[in-house]
Amino acid sequence: MASRLILNRGNNSHGSDMARLPRFDLPNIPQHIVQRGNNRLPCFLDDADRHRYLQLLREALLHTKCALHAYVLMDNHVHLLLTPPAIGAVAQLMQKLGRQYVGQFNARHLRTGTLWEGRYKACLVDSETHLLRCYRYIDLNPVRARMTDDPIRFPWSSAAAHGGHRTDSLLTPHPAYDALGRTTAERGSVYEALLRETVADDELLAIRTHLQQQRVLGRDTFRAMVEAKTQRFAGTRPAHRPPRRK
């Protein structure tokens, strides 16, 4: 029997959401998530906002039992990599986190209205081949944005913890990360070497495309497994498709 899917809608959904397909959502399969500020405007105005977001994220993780593996807080968007214990857990986490953060952000900065740009994007990730690439993609965001030349020194991401330079109680290491070494120091050294590697353009494009289209990032066998469970096509589509014949 195909796994049940939950239709996840954002807080500011409109009637057009009825035409949107549900996100791919399976228990114990990692998801790469991005949520952007409305019109790409900042969703964090100062460090107090960032501290509050992380505190609310902690509470949402405890409430939903999701395991967070990596994160970064940029000025106008957030990346999260997490594994849910059940279908619907990610949607519950994002709804709880988003609603509480927006309310407190608006009250603190004397503003009203939406903060987020529609629904968050989510992409299932193959643990065998692509999970550590998503770790690296997330932790290198501040470098690509030229906010720092050293991801380990950026205070609002998981990079320092993954490099073994600090502990972060928000994080639950994925087995793929634990397999990098036998000790914290060994894992950190191997991971920092991964951060120093040049990331191929096609790898960046693959992660961005699968996330934007909310598809399944991984091997053909992984995608086939997801398609069998969901009874839906899980691959990406060309950016410019010819019109469908009637």
C-alpha atoms as a PDB file:
ATOM      1  CA  MET A   1       0.000   0.000   0.000  1.00  0.00           C
ATOM      2  CA  ALA A   2       1.363   3.415  -0.892  1.00  0.00           C
ATOM      3  CA  SER A   3       2.368   5.550   2.085  1.00  0.00           C
ATOM      4  CA  ARG A   4      -0.132   8.232   3.015  1.00  0.00           C
ATOM      5  CA  LEU A   5       0.896  11.779   2.158  1.00  0.00           C
ATOM      6  CA  ILE A   6      -0.129  14.926   3.991  1.00  0.00           C
ATOM      7  CA  LEU A   7      -0.879  18.103   2.065  1.00  0.00           C
ATOM      8  CA  ASN A   8       1.174  20.757   3.800  1.00  0.00           C
ATOM      9  CA  ARG A   9       0.060  24.351   3.319  1.00  0.00           C
ATOM     10  CA  GLY A  10       1.698  27.527   4.498  1.00  0.00           C
ATOM     11  CA  ASN A  11       0.109  29.865   7.005  1.00  0.00           C
ATOM     12  CA  ASN A  12      -0.808  32.356   4.277  1.00  0.00           C
ATOM     13  CA  SER A  13      -2.198  29.854   1.780  1.00  0.00           C
ATOM     14  CA  HIS A  14      -4.745  30.939  -0.799  1.00  0.00           C
ATOM     15  CA  GLY A  15      -7.217  29.112  -2.986  1.00  0.00           C
ATOM     16  CA  SER A  16      -4.504  28.405  -5.565  1.00  0.00           C
ATOM     17  CA  ASP A  17      -2.836  26.105  -3.029  1.00  0.00           C
ATOM     18  CA  MET A  18      -5.540  23.554  -3.789  1.00  0.00           C
ATOM     19  CA  ALA A  19      -3.806  22.868  -7.113  1.00  0.00           C
ATOM     20  CA  ARG A  20      -0.432  22.270  -5.488  1.00  0.00           C
ATOM     21  CA  LEU A  21       0.760  18.730  -5.006  1.00  0.00           C
ATOM     22  CA  PRO A  22       1.728  17.631  -1.513  1.00  0.00           C
ATOM     23  CA  ARG A  23       5.408  17.751  -0.658  1.00  0.00           C
ATOM     24  CA  PHE A  24       7.258  14.460  -0.642  1.00  0.00           C
ATOM     25  CA  ASP A  25       7.180  13.424   3.003  1.00  0.00           C
ATOM     26  CA  LEU A  26       8.240  10.039   4.358  1.00  0.00           C
ATOM     27  CA  PRO A  27       9.221   9.006   7.886  1.00  0.00           C
ATOM     28  CA  ASN A  28      12.923   8.673   8.705  1.00  0.00           C
ATOM     29  CA  ILE A  29      14.012  10.182   5.363  1.00  0.00           C
ATOM     30  CA  PRO A  30      16.083  13.409   5.659  1.00  0.00           C
ATOM     31  CA  GLN A  31      14.646  16.620   4.232  1.00  0.00           C
ATOM     32  CA  HIS A  32      16.517  19.715   3.100  1.00  0.00           C
ATOM     33  CA  ILE A  33      14.352  22.773   3.811  1.00  0.00           C
ATOM     34  CA  VAL A  34      14.625  26.425   2.858  1.00  0.00           C
ATOM     35  CA  GLN A  35      12.357  29.258   3.982  1.00  0.00           C
ATOM     36  CA  ARG A  36      12.827  32.771   2.628  1.00  0.00           C
ATOM     37  CA  GLY A  37      11.807  36.200   3.795  1.00  0.00           C
ATOM     38  CA  ASN A  38       8.924  37.806   1.922  1.00  0.00           C
ATOM     39  CA  ASN A  39      10.189  39.580  -1.215  1.00  0.00           C
ATOM     40  CA  ARG A  40      13.647  38.364  -0.093  1.00  0.00           C
ATOM     41  CA  LEU A  41      13.634  40.965   2.684  1.00  0.00           C
ATOM     42  CA  PRO A  42      15.481  40.229   5.951  1.00  0.00           C
ATOM     43  CA  CYS A  43      13.862  37.857   8.418  1.00  0.00           C
ATOM     44  CA  PHE A  44      16.531  38.639  11.052  1.00  0.00           C
ATOM     45  CA  LEU A  45      17.348  42.237  11.943  1.00  0.00           C
ATOM     46  CA  ASP A  46      19.812  41.565  14.758  1.00  0.00           C
ATOM     47  CA  ASP A  47      21.373  38.820  16.863  1.00  0.00           C
ATOM     48  CA  ALA A  48      18.461  38.900  19.327  1.00  0.00           C
ATOM     49  CA  ASP A  49      16.202  37.775  16.489  1.00  0.00           C
ATOM     50  CA  ARG A  50      18.581  34.931  15.635  1.00  0.00           C
ATOM     51  CA  HIS A  51      18.826  33.784  19.251  1.00  0.00           C
ATOM     52  CA  ARG A  52      15.038  33.785  19.526  1.00  0.00           C
ATOM     53  CA  TYR A  53      14.639  31.817  16.302  1.00  0.00           C
ATOM     54  CA  LEU A  54      17.060  29.142  17.521  1.00  0.00           C
ATOM     55  CA  GLN A  55      15.261  28.909  20.857  1.00  0.00           C
ATOM     56  CA  LEU A  56      11.924  28.441  19.104  1.00  0.00           C
ATOM     57  CA  LEU A  57      13.552  25.914  16.772  1.00  0.00           C
ATOM     58  CA  ARG A  58      14.751  23.969  19.820  1.00  0.00           C
ATOM     59  CA  GLU A  59      11.219  23.908  21.244  1.00  0.00           C
ATOM     60  CA  ALA A  60       9.743  22.811  17.913  1.00  0.00           C
ATOM     61  CA  LEU A  61      12.304  20.005  17.590  1.00  0.00           C
ATOM     62  CA  LEU A  62      11.424  18.711  21.044  1.00  0.00           C
ATOM     63  CA  HIS A  63       7.714  18.960  20.294  1.00  0.00           C
ATOM     64  CA  THR A  64       7.860  17.094  16.959  1.00  0.00           C
ATOM     65  CA  LYS A  65      10.795  14.745  17.711  1.00  0.00           C
ATOM     66  CA  CYS A  66      12.484  15.749  14.450  1.00  0.00           C
ATOM     67  CA  ALA A  67      16.279  15.388  14.375  1.00  0.00           C
ATOM     68  CA  LEU A  68      18.186  18.454  13.124  1.00  0.00           C
ATOM     69  CA  HIS A  69      21.452  17.670  11.331  1.00  0.00           C
ATOM     70  CA  ALA A  70      22.516  21.048   9.882  1.00  0.00           C
ATOM     71  CA  TYR A  71      21.306  24.642   9.712  1.00  0.00           C
ATOM     72  CA  VAL A  72      22.250  28.157   8.713  1.00  0.00           C
ATOM     73  CA  LEU A  73      20.541  31.477   9.434  1.00  0.00           C
ATOM     74  CA  MET A  74      21.219  33.897   6.609  1.00  0.00           C
ATOM     75  CA  ASP A  75      19.903  37.466   6.617  1.00  0.00           C
ATOM     76  CA  ASN A  76      16.851  36.742   4.493  1.00  0.00           C
ATOM     77  CA  HIS A  77      16.457  32.959   4.542  1.00  0.00           C
ATOM     78  CA  VAL A  78      17.031  29.805   6.555  1.00  0.00           C
ATOM     79  CA  HIS A  79      18.272  26.337   5.591  1.00  0.00           C
ATOM     80  CA  LEU A  80      17.512  23.284   7.732  1.00  0.00           C
ATOM     81  CA  LEU A  81      18.439  19.625   7.243  1.00  0.00           C
ATOM     82  CA  LEU A  82      16.404  17.310   9.427  1.00  0.00           C
ATOM     83  CA  THR A  83      14.870  13.866   9.685  1.00  0.00           C
ATOM     84  CA  PRO A  84      11.229  13.496  10.772  1.00  0.00           C
ATOM     85  CA  PRO A  85       9.978  10.508  12.774  1.00  0.00           C
ATOM     86  CA  ALA A  86       6.602  10.489  11.022  1.00  0.00           C
ATOM     87  CA  ILE A  87       4.700  11.910   8.069  1.00  0.00           C
ATOM     88  CA  GLY A  88       3.575  15.442   8.831  1.00  0.00           C
ATOM     89  CA  ALA A  89       6.208  16.114  11.495  1.00  0.00           C
ATOM     90  CA  VAL A  90       8.161  18.578   9.332  1.00  0.00           C
ATOM     91  CA  ALA A  91       5.018  20.531   8.444  1.00  0.00           C
ATOM     92  CA  GLN A  92       4.085  20.653  12.114  1.00  0.00           C
ATOM     93  CA  LEU A  93       7.559  21.892  13.049  1.00  0.00           C
ATOM     94  CA  MET A  94       7.632  24.581  10.383  1.00  0.00           C
ATOM     95  CA  GLN A  95       4.124  25.783  11.195  1.00  0.00           C
ATOM     96  CA  LYS A  96       4.838  25.998  14.916  1.00  0.00           C
ATOM     97  CA  LEU A  97       8.230  27.639  14.434  1.00  0.00           C
ATOM     98  CA  GLY A  98       7.097  30.052  11.737  1.00  0.00           C
ATOM     99  CA  ARG A  99       3.960  31.196  13.492  1.00  0.00           C
ATOM    100  CA  GLN A 100       5.647  31.795  16.838  1.00  0.00           C
ATOM    101  CA  TYR A 101       8.668  33.527  15.347  1.00  0.00           C
ATOM    102  CA  VAL A 102       6.618  35.865  13.158  1.00  0.00           C
ATOM    103  CA  GLY A 103       4.425  36.877  16.079  1.00  0.00           C
ATOM    104  CA  GLN A 104       7.405  37.711  18.260  1.00  0.00           C
ATOM    105  CA  PHE A 105       9.336  39.359  15.422  1.00  0.00           C
ATOM    106  CA  ASN A 106       6.383  41.611  14.597  1.00  0.00           C
ATOM    107  CA  ALA A 107       5.807  42.544  18.227  1.00  0.00           C
ATOM    108  CA  ARG A 108       9.472  43.305  18.821  1.00  0.00           C
ATOM    109  CA  HIS A 109       9.896  45.418  15.690  1.00  0.00           C
ATOM    110  CA  LEU A 110       6.460  47.075  15.790  1.00  0.00           C
ATOM    111  CA  ARG A 111       5.349  45.701  12.433  1.00  0.00           C
ATOM    112  CA  THR A 112       2.434  43.705  11.050  1.00  0.00           C
ATOM    113  CA  GLY A 113       1.849  41.316   8.191  1.00  0.00           C
ATOM    114  CA  THR A 114       3.630  38.354   6.723  1.00  0.00           C
ATOM    115  CA  LEU A 115       7.339  37.704   7.108  1.00  0.00           C
ATOM    116  CA  TRP A 116       7.857  34.547   5.052  1.00  0.00           C
ATOM    117  CA  GLU A 117       7.642  34.217   1.284  1.00  0.00           C
ATOM    118  CA  GLY A 118       4.832  31.705   0.862  1.00  0.00           C
ATOM    119  CA  ARG A 119       5.383  28.057   1.666  1.00  0.00           C
ATOM    120  CA  TYR A 120       8.736  26.645   2.663  1.00  0.00           C
ATOM    121  CA  LYS A 121      10.523  24.405   0.136  1.00  0.00           C
ATOM    122  CA  ALA A 122      11.479  20.839   1.038  1.00  0.00           C
ATOM    123  CA  CYS A 123      13.436  18.105  -0.736  1.00  0.00           C
ATOM    124  CA  LEU A 124      13.961  14.482   0.299  1.00  0.00           C
ATOM    125  CA  VAL A 125      17.666  13.566   0.440  1.00  0.00           C
ATOM    126  CA  ASP A 126      19.367  10.211  -0.129  1.00  0.00           C
ATOM    127  CA  SER A 127      21.434   9.415   2.960  1.00  0.00           C
ATOM    128  CA  GLU A 128      23.790   7.130   1.061  1.00  0.00           C
ATOM    129  CA  THR A 129      25.112   9.630  -1.473  1.00  0.00           C
ATOM    130  CA  HIS A 130      23.822  13.164  -1.006  1.00  0.00           C
ATOM    131  CA  LEU A 131      23.330  13.867   2.684  1.00  0.00           C
ATOM    132  CA  LEU A 132      26.870  15.072   3.399  1.00  0.00           C
ATOM    133  CA  ARG A 133      26.712  17.204   0.258  1.00  0.00           C
ATOM    134  CA  CYS A 134      23.690  18.943   1.772  1.00  0.00           C
ATOM    135  CA  TYR A 135      25.582  19.318   5.080  1.00  0.00           C
ATOM    136  CA  ARG A 136      28.354  21.058   3.168  1.00  0.00           C
ATOM    137  CA  TYR A 137      25.995  23.112   0.988  1.00  0.00           C
ATOM    138  CA  ILE A 138      24.240  24.494   4.066  1.00  0.00           C
ATOM    139  CA  ASP A 139      27.399  25.230   6.055  1.00  0.00           C
ATOM    140  CA  LEU A 140      29.034  26.961   3.078  1.00  0.00           C
ATOM    141  CA  ASN A 141      26.110  29.336   2.453  1.00  0.00           C
ATOM    142  CA  PRO A 142      27.781  32.271   4.268  1.00  0.00           C
ATOM    143  CA  VAL A 143      30.941  31.792   2.178  1.00  0.00           C
ATOM    144  CA  ARG A 144      29.037  31.808  -1.102  1.00  0.00           C
ATOM    145  CA  ALA A 145      27.222  34.961   0.086  1.00  0.00           C
ATOM    146  CA  ARG A 146      30.613  36.540   0.948  1.00  0.00           C
ATOM    147  CA  MET A 147      29.609  37.041   4.560  1.00  0.00           C
ATOM    148  CA  THR A 148      32.794  35.277   5.693  1.00  0.00           C
ATOM    149  CA  ASP A 149      35.757  33.459   4.168  1.00  0.00           C
ATOM    150  CA  ASP A 150      35.758  30.837   6.941  1.00  0.00           C
ATOM    151  CA  PRO A 151      32.488  28.920   7.522  1.00  0.00           C
ATOM    152  CA  ILE A 152      33.725  27.685  10.911  1.00  0.00           C
ATOM    153  CA  ARG A 153      33.800  31.270  12.207  1.00  0.00           C
ATOM    154  CA  PHE A 154      30.236  32.065  11.143  1.00  0.00           C
ATOM    155  CA  PRO A 155      28.232  31.991  14.413  1.00  0.00           C
ATOM    156  CA  TRP A 156      24.783  31.215  12.983  1.00  0.00           C
ATOM    157  CA  SER A 157      25.322  27.830  11.386  1.00  0.00           C
ATOM    158  CA  SER A 158      26.218  24.269  12.292  1.00  0.00           C
ATOM    159  CA  ALA A 159      29.672  24.456  10.653  1.00  0.00           C
ATOM    160  CA  ALA A 160      31.672  24.983  13.862  1.00  0.00           C
ATOM    161  CA  ALA A 161      29.958  22.043  15.542  1.00  0.00           C
ATOM    162  CA  HIS A 162      30.519  19.804  12.539  1.00  0.00           C
ATOM    163  CA  GLY A 163      34.170  20.862  12.518  1.00  0.00           C
ATOM    164  CA  GLY A 164      34.516  19.792  16.153  1.00  0.00           C
ATOM    165  CA  HIS A 165      35.083  23.320  17.485  1.00  0.00           C
ATOM    166  CA  ARG A 166      32.001  23.562  19.708  1.00  0.00           C
ATOM    167  CA  THR A 167      29.047  21.531  20.872  1.00  0.00           C
ATOM    168  CA  ASP A 168      25.560  22.390  19.678  1.00  0.00           C
ATOM    169  CA  SER A 169      22.652  20.847  21.555  1.00  0.00           C
ATOM    170  CA  LEU A 170      20.313  21.599  18.648  1.00  0.00           C
ATOM    171  CA  LEU A 171      22.057  19.033  16.484  1.00  0.00           C
ATOM    172  CA  THR A 172      21.611  15.288  16.188  1.00  0.00           C
ATOM    173  CA  PRO A 173      24.437  13.884  14.049  1.00  0.00           C
ATOM    174  CA  HIS A 174      23.252  11.699  11.193  1.00  0.00           C
ATOM    175  CA  PRO A 175      24.930   8.272  10.900  1.00  0.00           C
ATOM    176  CA  ALA A 176      26.507   9.457   7.630  1.00  0.00           C
ATOM    177  CA  TYR A 177      28.313  12.193   9.564  1.00  0.00           C
ATOM    178  CA  ASP A 178      29.241   9.854  12.436  1.00  0.00           C
ATOM    179  CA  ALA A 179      30.845   7.526   9.896  1.00  0.00           C
ATOM    180  CA  LEU A 180      33.454  10.185   9.067  1.00  0.00           C
ATOM    181  CA  GLY A 181      35.554   9.174  12.084  1.00  0.00           C
ATOM    182  CA  ARG A 182      35.749   7.401  15.417  1.00  0.00           C
ATOM    183  CA  THR A 183      36.168  10.511  17.554  1.00  0.00           C
ATOM    184  CA  THR A 184      34.840  14.058  17.556  1.00  0.00           C
ATOM    185  CA  ALA A 185      38.248  15.370  16.548  1.00  0.00           C
ATOM    186  CA  GLU A 186      38.592  12.886  13.703  1.00  0.00           C
ATOM    187  CA  ARG A 187      35.117  13.598  12.356  1.00  0.00           C
ATOM    188  CA  GLY A 188      35.734  17.328  12.622  1.00  0.00           C
ATOM    189  CA  SER A 189      39.024  17.109  10.736  1.00  0.00           C
ATOM    190  CA  VAL A 190      37.479  15.082   7.906  1.00  0.00           C
ATOM    191  CA  TYR A 191      34.497  17.424   7.685  1.00  0.00           C
ATOM    192  CA  GLU A 192      36.675  20.538   7.546  1.00  0.00           C
ATOM    193  CA  ALA A 193      38.544  18.942   4.664  1.00  0.00           C
ATOM    194  CA  LEU A 194      35.189  18.505   2.907  1.00  0.00           C
ATOM    195  CA  LEU A 195      34.443  22.202   3.450  1.00  0.00           C
ATOM    196  CA  ARG A 196      37.753  23.138   1.832  1.00  0.00           C
ATOM    197  CA  GLU A 197      37.062  21.093  -1.300  1.00  0.00           C
ATOM    198  CA  THR A 198      35.872  22.942  -4.372  1.00  0.00           C
ATOM    199  CA  VAL A 199      32.167  22.282  -4.857  1.00  0.00           C
ATOM    200  CA  ALA A 200      31.375  21.471  -8.468  1.00  0.00           C
ATOM    201  CA  ASP A 201      28.890  23.698 -10.260  1.00  0.00           C
ATOM    202  CA  ASP A 202      26.744  20.714 -11.230  1.00  0.00           C
ATOM    203  CA  GLU A 203      26.485  19.686  -7.564  1.00  0.00           C
ATOM    204  CA  LEU A 204      25.290  23.159  -6.585  1.00  0.00           C
ATOM    205  CA  LEU A 205      22.827  23.185  -9.464  1.00  0.00           C
ATOM    206  CA  ALA A 206      21.467  19.752  -8.554  1.00  0.00           C
ATOM    207  CA  ILE A 207      20.836  20.729  -4.931  1.00  0.00           C
ATOM    208  CA  ARG A 208      19.203  24.025  -5.890  1.00  0.00           C
ATOM    209  CA  THR A 209      17.056  22.513  -8.642  1.00  0.00           C
ATOM    210  CA  HIS A 210      15.776  19.630  -6.540  1.00  0.00           C
ATOM    211  CA  LEU A 211      15.026  21.992  -3.663  1.00  0.00           C
ATOM    212  CA  GLN A 212      13.265  24.556  -5.853  1.00  0.00           C
ATOM    213  CA  GLN A 213      11.141  21.866  -7.531  1.00  0.00           C
ATOM    214  CA  GLN A 214      10.722  19.994  -4.204  1.00  0.00           C
ATOM    215  CA  ARG A 215      11.853  16.717  -5.738  1.00  0.00           C
ATOM    216  CA  VAL A 216      13.966  13.801  -4.550  1.00  0.00           C
ATOM    217  CA  LEU A 217      17.762  14.207  -4.473  1.00  0.00           C
ATOM    218  CA  GLY A 218      19.669  10.962  -4.758  1.00  0.00           C
ATOM    219  CA  ARG A 219      20.387   7.798  -6.710  1.00  0.00           C
ATOM    220  CA  ASP A 220      17.970   6.307  -9.209  1.00  0.00           C
ATOM    221  CA  THR A 221      17.239   3.492  -6.763  1.00  0.00           C
ATOM    222  CA  PHE A 222      16.388   6.003  -4.018  1.00  0.00           C
ATOM    223  CA  ARG A 223      14.084   7.933  -6.318  1.00  0.00           C
ATOM    224  CA  ALA A 224      12.420   4.690  -7.432  1.00  0.00           C
ATOM    225  CA  MET A 225      11.812   3.758  -3.808  1.00  0.00           C
ATOM    226  CA  VAL A 226      10.142   7.108  -3.128  1.00  0.00           C
ATOM    227  CA  GLU A 227       8.040   6.820  -6.273  1.00  0.00           C
ATOM    228  CA  ALA A 228       6.920   3.317  -5.283  1.00  0.00           C
ATOM    229  CA  LYS A 229       5.871   4.507  -1.832  1.00  0.00           C
ATOM    230  CA  THR A 230       4.151   7.689  -2.993  1.00  0.00           C
ATOM    231  CA  GLN A 231       2.892   6.670  -6.445  1.00  0.00           C
ATOM    232  CA  ARG A 232       4.229   9.954  -7.820  1.00  0.00           C
ATOM    233  CA  PHE A 233       6.989  11.032 -10.207  1.00  0.00           C
ATOM    234  CA  ALA A 234       9.910  12.203  -8.054  1.00  0.00           C
ATOM    235  CA  GLY A 235      12.467  13.422 -10.595  1.00  0.00           C
ATOM    236  CA  THR A 236      13.121  16.993 -11.687  1.00  0.00           C
ATOM    237  CA  ARG A 237      11.602  18.478 -14.809  1.00  0.00           C
ATOM    238  CA  PRO A 238      13.260  20.705 -17.428  1.00  0.00           C
ATOM    239  CA  ALA A 239      13.093  24.398 -16.666  1.00  0.00           C
ATOM    240  CA  HIS A 240      11.302  25.101 -19.950  1.00  0.00           C
ATOM    241  CA  ARG A 241       8.935  22.364 -21.020  1.00  0.00           C
ATOM    242  CA  PRO A 242       6.972  22.374 -24.284  1.00  0.00           C
ATOM    243  CA  PRO A 243       3.240  22.903 -23.891  1.00  0.00           C
ATOM    244  CA  ARG A 244       1.337  19.757 -23.033  1.00  0.00           C
ATOM    245  CA  ARG A 245      -0.731  18.335 -25.858  1.00  0.00           C
ATOM    246  CA  LYS A 246      -4.445  18.226 -25.188  1.00  0.00           C
END
